[in-house]
Amino acid sequence: MNYDSDITKVSGIAAVPTILDVVSRVTGMGFTAVARVTETDGSPALREMN
């Protein structure tokens, strides 16, 4: 899979760092991230949700 296009798109959204900072502060978690999830990744959790 080529993630470069997705990373470029997310990197171009100016609000992302602010959103991640707010989420980190509100939840008290020391790490926040943007995740890419697809229906075809085959993870058990996604199969259970469908």
PDB file of N, CA and C in Angstrom:
ATOM      1  N   MET A   1       0.839  -1.188   0.000  1.00  0.00           N
ATOM      2  CA  MET A   1       0.000   0.000   0.000  1.00  0.00           C
ATOM      3  C   MET A   1       0.880   1.246   0.000  1.00  0.00           C
ATOM      4  N   ASN A   2       0.416   2.247  -0.684  1.00  0.00           N
ATOM      5  CA  ASN A   2       1.134   3.510  -0.730  1.00  0.00           C
ATOM      6  C   ASN A   2       0.398   4.518   0.150  1.00  0.00           C
ATOM      7  N   TYR A   3       1.026   4.867   1.254  1.00  0.00           N
ATOM      8  CA  TYR A   3       0.406   5.779   2.210  1.00  0.00           C
ATOM      9  C   TYR A   3       0.795   7.237   1.980  1.00  0.00           C
ATOM     10  N   ASP A   4       1.745   7.470   1.071  1.00  0.00           N
ATOM     11  CA  ASP A   4       2.261   8.816   0.861  1.00  0.00           C
ATOM     12  C   ASP A   4       1.163   9.826   0.531  1.00  0.00           C
ATOM     13  N   SER A   5       0.227   9.441  -0.309  1.00  0.00           N
ATOM     14  CA  SER A   5      -0.868  10.344  -0.690  1.00  0.00           C
ATOM     15  C   SER A   5      -1.733  10.704   0.521  1.00  0.00           C
ATOM     16  N   ASP A   6      -2.051   9.701   1.340  1.00  0.00           N
ATOM     17  CA  ASP A   6      -2.873   9.953   2.531  1.00  0.00           C
ATOM     18  C   ASP A   6      -2.139  10.838   3.533  1.00  0.00           C
ATOM     19  N   ILE A   7      -0.850  10.574   3.725  1.00  0.00           N
ATOM     20  CA  ILE A   7      -0.052  11.382   4.654  1.00  0.00           C
ATOM     21  C   ILE A   7       0.019  12.824   4.169  1.00  0.00           C
ATOM     22  N   THR A   8       0.184  13.008   2.885  1.00  0.00           N
ATOM     23  CA  THR A   8       0.234  14.354   2.320  1.00  0.00           C
ATOM     24  C   THR A   8      -1.081  15.086   2.532  1.00  0.00           C
ATOM     25  N   LYS A   9      -2.190  14.391   2.308  1.00  0.00           N
ATOM     26  CA  LYS A   9      -3.505  15.018   2.495  1.00  0.00           C
ATOM     27  C   LYS A   9      -3.726  15.428   3.934  1.00  0.00           C
ATOM     28  N   VAL A  10      -3.433  14.540   4.887  1.00  0.00           N
ATOM     29  CA  VAL A  10      -3.637  14.861   6.308  1.00  0.00           C
ATOM     30  C   VAL A  10      -2.681  15.968   6.740  1.00  0.00           C
ATOM     31  N   SER A  11      -1.462  15.912   6.252  1.00  0.00           N
ATOM     32  CA  SER A  11      -0.473  16.944   6.596  1.00  0.00           C
ATOM     33  C   SER A  11      -0.896  18.321   6.109  1.00  0.00           C
ATOM     34  N   GLY A  12      -1.716  18.358   5.073  1.00  0.00           N
ATOM     35  CA  GLY A  12      -2.177  19.620   4.519  1.00  0.00           C
ATOM     36  C   GLY A  12      -3.356  20.240   5.254  1.00  0.00           C
ATOM     37  N   ILE A  13      -3.872  19.558   6.257  1.00  0.00           N
ATOM     38  CA  ILE A  13      -4.996  20.088   7.036  1.00  0.00           C
ATOM     39  C   ILE A  13      -4.433  20.826   8.241  1.00  0.00           C
ATOM     40  N   ALA A  14      -4.517  22.133   8.220  1.00  0.00           N
ATOM     41  CA  ALA A  14      -3.893  22.964   9.251  1.00  0.00           C
ATOM     42  C   ALA A  14      -4.420  22.689  10.656  1.00  0.00           C
ATOM     43  N   ALA A  15      -5.659  22.243  10.775  1.00  0.00           N
ATOM     44  CA  ALA A  15      -6.273  22.048  12.090  1.00  0.00           C
ATOM     45  C   ALA A  15      -5.849  20.755  12.783  1.00  0.00           C
ATOM     46  N   VAL A  16      -5.228  19.841  12.069  1.00  0.00           N
ATOM     47  CA  VAL A  16      -4.894  18.535  12.648  1.00  0.00           C
ATOM     48  C   VAL A  16      -4.029  18.650  13.907  1.00  0.00           C
ATOM     49  N   PRO A  17      -2.930  19.406  13.910  1.00  0.00           N
ATOM     50  CA  PRO A  17      -2.140  19.499  15.149  1.00  0.00           C
ATOM     51  C   PRO A  17      -2.931  20.046  16.337  1.00  0.00           C
ATOM     52  N   THR A  18      -3.789  21.008  16.074  1.00  0.00           N
ATOM     53  CA  THR A  18      -4.607  21.575  17.154  1.00  0.00           C
ATOM     54  C   THR A  18      -5.603  20.548  17.673  1.00  0.00           C
ATOM     55  N   ILE A  19      -6.240  19.834  16.781  1.00  0.00           N
ATOM     56  CA  ILE A  19      -7.199  18.801  17.177  1.00  0.00           C
ATOM     57  C   ILE A  19      -6.505  17.737  18.018  1.00  0.00           C
ATOM     58  N   LEU A  20      -5.338  17.278  17.581  1.00  0.00           N
ATOM     59  CA  LEU A  20      -4.615  16.256  18.330  1.00  0.00           C
ATOM     60  C   LEU A  20      -4.185  16.778  19.698  1.00  0.00           C
ATOM     61  N   ASP A  21      -3.775  18.034  19.772  1.00  0.00           N
ATOM     62  CA  ASP A  21      -3.397  18.628  21.055  1.00  0.00           C
ATOM     63  C   ASP A  21      -4.583  18.703  22.002  1.00  0.00           C
ATOM     64  N   VAL A  22      -5.733  19.140  21.501  1.00  0.00           N
ATOM     65  CA  VAL A  22      -6.936  19.229  22.332  1.00  0.00           C
ATOM     66  C   VAL A  22      -7.363  17.844  22.818  1.00  0.00           C
ATOM     67  N   VAL A  23      -7.351  16.875  21.936  1.00  0.00           N
ATOM     68  CA  VAL A  23      -7.717  15.505  22.317  1.00  0.00           C
ATOM     69  C   VAL A  23      -6.776  15.000  23.413  1.00  0.00           C
ATOM     70  N   SER A  24      -5.491  15.260  23.253  1.00  0.00           N
ATOM     71  CA  SER A  24      -4.509  14.832  24.243  1.00  0.00           C
ATOM     72  C   SER A  24      -4.767  15.476  25.602  1.00  0.00           C
ATOM     73  N   ARG A  25      -5.030  16.756  25.602  1.00  0.00           N
ATOM     74  CA  ARG A  25      -5.270  17.473  26.865  1.00  0.00           C
ATOM     75  C   ARG A  25      -6.578  17.049  27.527  1.00  0.00           C
ATOM     76  N   VAL A  26      -7.631  16.894  26.739  1.00  0.00           N
ATOM     77  CA  VAL A  26      -8.946  16.549  27.295  1.00  0.00           C
ATOM     78  C   VAL A  26      -8.964  15.130  27.843  1.00  0.00           C
ATOM     79  N   THR A  27      -8.317  14.218  27.151  1.00  0.00           N
ATOM     80  CA  THR A  27      -8.338  12.820  27.573  1.00  0.00           C
ATOM     81  C   THR A  27      -7.243  12.487  28.574  1.00  0.00           C
ATOM     82  N   GLY A  28      -6.238  13.351  28.678  1.00  0.00           N
ATOM     83  CA  GLY A  28      -5.117  13.082  29.560  1.00  0.00           C
ATOM     84  C   GLY A  28      -4.132  12.071  28.984  1.00  0.00           C
ATOM     85  N   MET A  29      -4.336  11.720  27.736  1.00  0.00           N
ATOM     86  CA  MET A  29      -3.431  10.764  27.102  1.00  0.00           C
ATOM     87  C   MET A  29      -2.199  11.497  26.581  1.00  0.00           C
ATOM     88  N   GLY A  30      -1.056  10.851  26.663  1.00  0.00           N
ATOM     89  CA  GLY A  30       0.182  11.478  26.236  1.00  0.00           C
ATOM     90  C   GLY A  30       0.479  11.294  24.763  1.00  0.00           C
ATOM     91  N   PHE A  31      -0.368  10.544  24.066  1.00  0.00           N
ATOM     92  CA  PHE A  31      -0.115  10.268  22.653  1.00  0.00           C
ATOM     93  C   PHE A  31      -1.425  10.325  21.895  1.00  0.00           C
ATOM     94  N   THR A  32      -1.427  11.035  20.796  1.00  0.00           N
ATOM     95  CA  THR A  32      -2.578  11.056  19.896  1.00  0.00           C
ATOM     96  C   THR A  32      -2.065  10.863  18.481  1.00  0.00           C
ATOM     97  N   ALA A  33      -2.920  10.355  17.628  1.00  0.00           N
ATOM     98  CA  ALA A  33      -2.492  10.095  16.255  1.00  0.00           C
ATOM     99  C   ALA A  33      -3.691  10.065  15.328  1.00  0.00           C
ATOM    100  N   VAL A  34      -3.413  10.164  14.059  1.00  0.00           N
ATOM    101  CA  VAL A  34      -4.415   9.992  13.020  1.00  0.00           C
ATOM    102  C   VAL A  34      -4.233   8.575  12.488  1.00  0.00           C
ATOM    103  N   ALA A  35      -5.308   7.814  12.461  1.00  0.00           N
ATOM    104  CA  ALA A  35      -5.229   6.433  11.985  1.00  0.00           C
ATOM    105  C   ALA A  35      -5.964   6.282  10.666  1.00  0.00           C
ATOM    106  N   ARG A  36      -5.473   5.409   9.861  1.00  0.00           N
ATOM    107  CA  ARG A  36      -6.119   5.087   8.586  1.00  0.00           C
ATOM    108  C   ARG A  36      -6.719   3.698   8.735  1.00  0.00           C
ATOM    109  N   VAL A  37      -8.041   3.602   8.645  1.00  0.00           N
ATOM    110  CA  VAL A  37      -8.734   2.323   8.788  1.00  0.00           C
ATOM    111  C   VAL A  37      -9.563   2.089   7.535  1.00  0.00           C
ATOM    112  N   THR A  38      -9.464   0.898   7.001  1.00  0.00           N
ATOM    113  CA  THR A  38     -10.248   0.559   5.823  1.00  0.00           C
ATOM    114  C   THR A  38     -11.047  -0.707   6.085  1.00  0.00           C
ATOM    115  N   GLU A  39     -12.062  -0.918   5.312  1.00  0.00           N
ATOM    116  CA  GLU A  39     -12.865  -2.127   5.441  1.00  0.00           C
ATOM    117  C   GLU A  39     -12.093  -3.357   5.020  1.00  0.00           C
ATOM    118  N   THR A  40     -11.048  -3.187   4.261  1.00  0.00           N
ATOM    119  CA  THR A  40     -10.321  -4.333   3.730  1.00  0.00           C
ATOM    120  C   THR A  40      -9.052  -4.662   4.507  1.00  0.00           C
ATOM    121  N   ASP A  41      -8.848  -4.053   5.677  1.00  0.00           N
ATOM    122  CA  ASP A  41      -7.609  -4.349   6.390  1.00  0.00           C
ATOM    123  C   ASP A  41      -7.652  -5.703   7.103  1.00  0.00           C
ATOM    124  N   GLY A  42      -8.831  -6.285   7.243  1.00  0.00           N
ATOM    125  CA  GLY A  42      -8.955  -7.628   7.783  1.00  0.00           C
ATOM    126  C   GLY A  42      -8.832  -7.748   9.274  1.00  0.00           C
ATOM    127  N   SER A  43      -8.856  -6.641  10.002  1.00  0.00           N
ATOM    128  CA  SER A  43      -8.700  -6.761  11.444  1.00  0.00           C
ATOM    129  C   SER A  43      -9.945  -7.382  12.057  1.00  0.00           C
ATOM    130  N   PRO A  44      -9.758  -8.201  13.104  1.00  0.00           N
ATOM    131  CA  PRO A  44     -10.902  -8.845  13.763  1.00  0.00           C
ATOM    132  C   PRO A  44     -11.934  -7.858  14.290  1.00  0.00           C
ATOM    133  N   ALA A  45     -11.480  -6.726  14.814  1.00  0.00           N
ATOM    134  CA  ALA A  45     -12.417  -5.743  15.364  1.00  0.00           C
ATOM    135  C   ALA A  45     -13.351  -5.216  14.289  1.00  0.00           C
ATOM    136  N   LEU A  46     -12.822  -4.973  13.099  1.00  0.00           N
ATOM    137  CA  LEU A  46     -13.671  -4.468  12.028  1.00  0.00           C
ATOM    138  C   LEU A  46     -14.637  -5.545  11.561  1.00  0.00           C
ATOM    139  N   ARG A  47     -14.203  -6.778  11.525  1.00  0.00           N
ATOM    140  CA  ARG A  47     -15.102  -7.853  11.112  1.00  0.00           C
ATOM    141  C   ARG A  47     -16.261  -7.981  12.092  1.00  0.00           C
ATOM    142  N   GLU A  48     -16.005  -7.815  13.386  1.00  0.00           N
ATOM    143  CA  GLU A  48     -17.055  -7.923  14.392  1.00  0.00           C
ATOM    144  C   GLU A  48     -18.048  -6.779  14.288  1.00  0.00           C
ATOM    145  N   MET A  49     -17.590  -5.597  13.865  1.00  0.00           N
ATOM    146  CA  MET A  49     -18.465  -4.433  13.773  1.00  0.00           C
ATOM    147  C   MET A  49     -19.400  -4.521  12.572  1.00  0.00           C
ATOM    148  N   ASN A  50     -19.007  -5.238  11.543  1.00  0.00           N
ATOM    149  CA  ASN A  50     -19.809  -5.294  10.322  1.00  0.00           C
ATOM    150  C   ASN A  50     -20.985  -6.216  10.446  1.00  0.00           C
TER     151      ASN A  50
END
